[in-house]
Amino acid sequence: MIPMKIRPYQPEDLDILKEITVEAFQGVSIDEGIEREYGVINGHDWKWRKAGHVATDARREPEGIFVAEVEGRIAGYISTWHDPDAGIGYIPNLAFVPEYRGQGMGRKLLEYALDHFRRLNLSLAKIETLEQNAVGNHLYTSLGFKEIVKQVHFVAPLSPAPVDERQ
């Protein structure tokens, strides 16, 4: 395996993490599916929304983002946040640049995140993926994650609200 260093997230990493995420989530993004059905929404494509999810992760719990580096270059990352009252750690995003996929680095980052949750004395770790993400489905179950329930995402277009003529 290629030597990989895991380090804490730094704010200057954000733009690169957004780029990695958008590329990695092509074909396995709920927002991309919505765009296929309805087109660009409110002037923003699915890539803009997916990149925004990473920015949200960084605002919510920056100390829960761990960056994988190879020879000083960002190869990928994992974002986490936790709810101490519920005892649950959440993993919203895990992504790598193409050249570093399939080499066990995602597994190492997931193991690192799970250890992070253990240090926080959490009881469960939660991750979600789409059915078509065969790599994620295999990886997560190999690390002890169990499928609990399948979720269906529904989207309805909103037409303009009717005008109340009594006003």
C-alpha atoms as a PDB file:
ATOM      1  CA  MET A   1       0.000   0.000   0.000  1.00  0.00           C
ATOM      2  CA  ILE A   2       1.116   3.551  -0.706  1.00  0.00           C
ATOM      3  CA  PRO A   3       2.230   5.324   2.502  1.00  0.00           C
ATOM      4  CA  MET A   4      -0.575   7.598   3.661  1.00  0.00           C
ATOM      5  CA  LYS A   5      -0.529  10.186   6.420  1.00  0.00           C
ATOM      6  CA  ILE A   6      -3.759  11.168   8.198  1.00  0.00           C
ATOM      7  CA  ARG A   7      -3.883  14.695   9.534  1.00  0.00           C
ATOM      8  CA  PRO A   8      -6.485  17.112  10.917  1.00  0.00           C
ATOM      9  CA  TYR A   9      -8.456  19.294   8.530  1.00  0.00           C
ATOM     10  CA  GLN A  10      -7.286  22.859   7.955  1.00  0.00           C
ATOM     11  CA  PRO A  11      -9.606  25.585   6.554  1.00  0.00           C
ATOM     12  CA  GLU A  12      -7.343  25.997   3.513  1.00  0.00           C
ATOM     13  CA  ASP A  13      -8.191  22.373   2.556  1.00  0.00           C
ATOM     14  CA  LEU A  14     -11.852  23.165   1.884  1.00  0.00           C
ATOM     15  CA  ASP A  15     -11.689  23.989  -1.831  1.00  0.00           C
ATOM     16  CA  ILE A  16      -9.697  20.840  -2.610  1.00  0.00           C
ATOM     17  CA  LEU A  17     -12.057  18.692  -0.515  1.00  0.00           C
ATOM     18  CA  LYS A  18     -15.023  20.136  -2.415  1.00  0.00           C
ATOM     19  CA  GLU A  19     -13.392  19.249  -5.755  1.00  0.00           C
ATOM     20  CA  ILE A  20     -12.579  15.712  -4.611  1.00  0.00           C
ATOM     21  CA  THR A  21     -16.136  15.245  -3.328  1.00  0.00           C
ATOM     22  CA  VAL A  22     -17.876  16.401  -6.477  1.00  0.00           C
ATOM     23  CA  GLU A  23     -15.747  14.110  -8.639  1.00  0.00           C
ATOM     24  CA  ALA A  24     -16.086  11.128  -6.285  1.00  0.00           C
ATOM     25  CA  PHE A  25     -19.865  11.391  -5.875  1.00  0.00           C
ATOM     26  CA  GLN A  26     -20.714  11.380  -9.579  1.00  0.00           C
ATOM     27  CA  GLY A  27     -23.242   8.596 -10.053  1.00  0.00           C
ATOM     28  CA  VAL A  28     -23.882   8.142  -6.306  1.00  0.00           C
ATOM     29  CA  SER A  29     -25.369  11.503  -5.321  1.00  0.00           C
ATOM     30  CA  ILE A  30     -28.999  12.087  -4.418  1.00  0.00           C
ATOM     31  CA  ASP A  31     -28.693  15.647  -5.726  1.00  0.00           C
ATOM     32  CA  GLU A  32     -27.444  14.361  -9.077  1.00  0.00           C
ATOM     33  CA  GLY A  33     -30.522  12.141  -9.328  1.00  0.00           C
ATOM     34  CA  ILE A  34     -32.756  15.104  -8.553  1.00  0.00           C
ATOM     35  CA  GLU A  35     -31.048  17.115 -11.279  1.00  0.00           C
ATOM     36  CA  ARG A  36     -31.563  14.322 -13.823  1.00  0.00           C
ATOM     37  CA  GLU A  37     -35.283  14.483 -13.088  1.00  0.00           C
ATOM     38  CA  TYR A  38     -35.817  18.237 -12.678  1.00  0.00           C
ATOM     39  CA  GLY A  39     -32.761  19.955 -14.116  1.00  0.00           C
ATOM     40  CA  VAL A  40     -30.718  22.689 -12.473  1.00  0.00           C
ATOM     41  CA  ILE A  41     -32.508  24.099  -9.442  1.00  0.00           C
ATOM     42  CA  ASN A  42     -32.481  27.758  -8.461  1.00  0.00           C
ATOM     43  CA  GLY A  43     -29.480  28.411 -10.697  1.00  0.00           C
ATOM     44  CA  HIS A  44     -27.301  25.779  -8.979  1.00  0.00           C
ATOM     45  CA  ASP A  45     -26.358  22.327 -10.203  1.00  0.00           C
ATOM     46  CA  TRP A  46     -25.966  19.198  -8.074  1.00  0.00           C
ATOM     47  CA  LYS A  47     -22.202  19.737  -7.874  1.00  0.00           C
ATOM     48  CA  TRP A  48     -22.707  23.103  -6.168  1.00  0.00           C
ATOM     49  CA  ARG A  49     -25.050  21.517  -3.620  1.00  0.00           C
ATOM     50  CA  LYS A  50     -22.740  18.548  -2.972  1.00  0.00           C
ATOM     51  CA  ALA A  51     -19.749  20.871  -2.484  1.00  0.00           C
ATOM     52  CA  GLY A  52     -21.920  22.839  -0.058  1.00  0.00           C
ATOM     53  CA  HIS A  53     -22.388  19.695   2.033  1.00  0.00           C
ATOM     54  CA  VAL A  54     -18.623  19.600   2.617  1.00  0.00           C
ATOM     55  CA  ALA A  55     -18.652  23.259   3.667  1.00  0.00           C
ATOM     56  CA  THR A  56     -21.477  22.416   6.091  1.00  0.00           C
ATOM     57  CA  ASP A  57     -19.380  19.563   7.522  1.00  0.00           C
ATOM     58  CA  ALA A  58     -16.490  22.000   8.040  1.00  0.00           C
ATOM     59  CA  ARG A  59     -18.712  24.511   9.840  1.00  0.00           C
ATOM     60  CA  ARG A  60     -20.435  21.899  12.005  1.00  0.00           C
ATOM     61  CA  GLU A  61     -17.414  20.036  13.339  1.00  0.00           C
ATOM     62  CA  PRO A  62     -14.081  20.869  11.663  1.00  0.00           C
ATOM     63  CA  GLU A  63     -12.167  18.806  14.216  1.00  0.00           C
ATOM     64  CA  GLY A  64     -14.075  15.762  12.935  1.00  0.00           C
ATOM     65  CA  ILE A  65     -12.612  15.987   9.422  1.00  0.00           C
ATOM     66  CA  PHE A  66      -9.510  13.928   8.723  1.00  0.00           C
ATOM     67  CA  VAL A  67      -7.399  14.389   5.615  1.00  0.00           C
ATOM     68  CA  ALA A  68      -5.375  11.665   3.907  1.00  0.00           C
ATOM     69  CA  GLU A  69      -2.125  12.815   2.344  1.00  0.00           C
ATOM     70  CA  VAL A  70       0.311  11.013   0.074  1.00  0.00           C
ATOM     71  CA  GLU A  71       3.685  12.706  -0.375  1.00  0.00           C
ATOM     72  CA  GLY A  72       2.238  16.000   0.889  1.00  0.00           C
ATOM     73  CA  ARG A  73      -0.697  15.945  -1.545  1.00  0.00           C
ATOM     74  CA  ILE A  74      -4.325  15.563  -0.427  1.00  0.00           C
ATOM     75  CA  ALA A  75      -5.511  12.149  -1.582  1.00  0.00           C
ATOM     76  CA  GLY A  76      -8.870  12.092   0.194  1.00  0.00           C
ATOM     77  CA  TYR A  77     -10.724  12.773   3.408  1.00  0.00           C
ATOM     78  CA  ILE A  78     -13.478  11.696   5.739  1.00  0.00           C
ATOM     79  CA  SER A  79     -15.883  14.024   7.544  1.00  0.00           C
ATOM     80  CA  THR A  80     -17.508  13.163  10.846  1.00  0.00           C
ATOM     81  CA  TRP A  81     -19.630  14.790  13.506  1.00  0.00           C
ATOM     82  CA  HIS A  82     -21.080  13.453  16.694  1.00  0.00           C
ATOM     83  CA  ASP A  83     -24.040  13.779  19.007  1.00  0.00           C
ATOM     84  CA  PRO A  84     -22.730  13.028  22.515  1.00  0.00           C
ATOM     85  CA  ASP A  85     -26.209  12.891  24.069  1.00  0.00           C
ATOM     86  CA  ALA A  86     -27.376  10.289  21.541  1.00  0.00           C
ATOM     87  CA  GLY A  87     -24.035   8.467  21.626  1.00  0.00           C
ATOM     88  CA  ILE A  88     -23.857   8.407  17.824  1.00  0.00           C
ATOM     89  CA  GLY A  89     -21.067   9.396  15.464  1.00  0.00           C
ATOM     90  CA  TYR A  90     -22.017  10.336  11.904  1.00  0.00           C
ATOM     91  CA  ILE A  91     -19.949  10.015   8.734  1.00  0.00           C
ATOM     92  CA  PRO A  92     -21.466  12.230   6.035  1.00  0.00           C
ATOM     93  CA  ASN A  93     -18.639  12.156   3.471  1.00  0.00           C
ATOM     94  CA  LEU A  94     -15.708   9.984   2.442  1.00  0.00           C
ATOM     95  CA  ALA A  95     -13.963  10.660  -0.849  1.00  0.00           C
ATOM     96  CA  PHE A  96     -10.656  10.119  -2.645  1.00  0.00           C
ATOM     97  CA  VAL A  97      -9.095  11.309  -5.869  1.00  0.00           C
ATOM     98  CA  PRO A  98      -9.351   8.572  -8.528  1.00  0.00           C
ATOM     99  CA  GLU A  99      -5.701   7.498  -8.488  1.00  0.00           C
ATOM    100  CA  TYR A 100      -5.880   6.561  -4.790  1.00  0.00           C
ATOM    101  CA  ARG A 101      -9.130   4.603  -4.838  1.00  0.00           C
ATOM    102  CA  GLY A 102      -9.155   0.856  -4.376  1.00  0.00           C
ATOM    103  CA  GLN A 103      -5.907   0.787  -2.417  1.00  0.00           C
ATOM    104  CA  GLY A 104      -7.251   0.399   1.117  1.00  0.00           C
ATOM    105  CA  MET A 105      -6.985   4.075   2.029  1.00  0.00           C
ATOM    106  CA  GLY A 106     -10.745   4.496   2.471  1.00  0.00           C
ATOM    107  CA  ARG A 107     -10.710   1.583   4.898  1.00  0.00           C
ATOM    108  CA  LYS A 108      -7.864   3.212   6.849  1.00  0.00           C
ATOM    109  CA  LEU A 109      -9.730   6.529   7.070  1.00  0.00           C
ATOM    110  CA  LEU A 110     -12.917   4.773   8.176  1.00  0.00           C
ATOM    111  CA  GLU A 111     -10.997   2.854  10.840  1.00  0.00           C
ATOM    112  CA  TYR A 112      -9.458   6.151  11.969  1.00  0.00           C
ATOM    113  CA  ALA A 113     -12.927   7.754  12.202  1.00  0.00           C
ATOM    114  CA  LEU A 114     -14.284   4.785  14.151  1.00  0.00           C
ATOM    115  CA  ASP A 115     -11.371   5.065  16.601  1.00  0.00           C
ATOM    116  CA  HIS A 116     -12.133   8.785  16.897  1.00  0.00           C
ATOM    117  CA  PHE A 117     -15.720   7.898  17.859  1.00  0.00           C
ATOM    118  CA  ARG A 118     -14.483   5.344  20.387  1.00  0.00           C
ATOM    119  CA  ARG A 119     -12.261   7.987  22.005  1.00  0.00           C
ATOM    120  CA  LEU A 120     -15.398  10.139  22.318  1.00  0.00           C
ATOM    121  CA  ASN A 121     -17.109   7.218  24.123  1.00  0.00           C
ATOM    122  CA  LEU A 122     -19.849   6.939  21.518  1.00  0.00           C
ATOM    123  CA  SER A 123     -21.972   3.802  21.166  1.00  0.00           C
ATOM    124  CA  LEU A 124     -22.704   3.702  17.424  1.00  0.00           C
ATOM    125  CA  ALA A 125     -21.334   4.976  14.131  1.00  0.00           C
ATOM    126  CA  LYS A 126     -23.724   5.789  11.285  1.00  0.00           C
ATOM    127  CA  ILE A 127     -22.972   6.068   7.586  1.00  0.00           C
ATOM    128  CA  GLU A 128     -25.315   6.205   4.600  1.00  0.00           C
ATOM    129  CA  THR A 129     -24.839   5.293   0.976  1.00  0.00           C
ATOM    130  CA  LEU A 130     -26.937   4.720  -2.098  1.00  0.00           C
ATOM    131  CA  GLU A 131     -27.822   1.267  -3.318  1.00  0.00           C
ATOM    132  CA  GLN A 132     -25.768   1.747  -6.499  1.00  0.00           C
ATOM    133  CA  ASN A 133     -22.581   2.438  -4.513  1.00  0.00           C
ATOM    134  CA  ALA A 134     -21.250  -1.134  -4.628  1.00  0.00           C
ATOM    135  CA  VAL A 135     -17.815  -0.155  -3.306  1.00  0.00           C
ATOM    136  CA  GLY A 136     -19.264   1.648  -0.285  1.00  0.00           C
ATOM    137  CA  ASN A 137     -21.767  -1.101   0.449  1.00  0.00           C
ATOM    138  CA  HIS A 138     -18.995  -3.716   0.489  1.00  0.00           C
ATOM    139  CA  LEU A 139     -16.545  -1.591   2.473  1.00  0.00           C
ATOM    140  CA  TYR A 140     -19.003  -0.544   5.170  1.00  0.00           C
ATOM    141  CA  THR A 141     -20.286  -4.054   5.841  1.00  0.00           C
ATOM    142  CA  SER A 142     -16.707  -5.379   5.953  1.00  0.00           C
ATOM    143  CA  LEU A 143     -16.046  -2.949   8.826  1.00  0.00           C
ATOM    144  CA  GLY A 144     -19.043  -4.088  10.864  1.00  0.00           C
ATOM    145  CA  PHE A 145     -21.734  -1.696   9.664  1.00  0.00           C
ATOM    146  CA  LYS A 146     -25.112  -3.397   9.293  1.00  0.00           C
ATOM    147  CA  GLU A 147     -27.903  -2.346   7.000  1.00  0.00           C
ATOM    148  CA  ILE A 148     -30.749  -1.255   9.236  1.00  0.00           C
ATOM    149  CA  VAL A 149     -33.333   0.070   6.799  1.00  0.00           C
ATOM    150  CA  LYS A 150     -33.587   1.260   3.206  1.00  0.00           C
ATOM    151  CA  GLN A 151     -34.714   4.828   2.696  1.00  0.00           C
ATOM    152  CA  VAL A 152     -36.503   6.228  -0.328  1.00  0.00           C
ATOM    153  CA  HIS A 153     -36.030   9.870  -1.230  1.00  0.00           C
ATOM    154  CA  PHE A 154     -39.065  11.599  -2.728  1.00  0.00           C
ATOM    155  CA  VAL A 155     -38.973  15.001  -4.402  1.00  0.00           C
ATOM    156  CA  ALA A 156     -41.978  17.089  -5.463  1.00  0.00           C
ATOM    157  CA  PRO A 157     -41.792  20.242  -7.544  1.00  0.00           C
ATOM    158  CA  LEU A 158     -43.293  23.256  -5.824  1.00  0.00           C
ATOM    159  CA  SER A 159     -45.422  25.522  -7.928  1.00  0.00           C
ATOM    160  CA  PRO A 160     -45.874  29.125  -6.860  1.00  0.00           C
ATOM    161  CA  ALA A 161     -48.184  29.556  -3.874  1.00  0.00           C
ATOM    162  CA  PRO A 162     -51.681  30.688  -4.813  1.00  0.00           C
ATOM    163  CA  VAL A 163     -52.382  34.357  -4.242  1.00  0.00           C
ATOM    164  CA  ASP A 164     -54.897  35.031  -1.458  1.00  0.00           C
ATOM    165  CA  GLU A 165     -57.242  37.531  -3.079  1.00  0.00           C
ATOM    166  CA  ARG A 166     -58.802  38.473   0.288  1.00  0.00           C
ATOM    167  CA  GLN A 167     -55.724  40.476   1.241  1.00  0.00           C
END
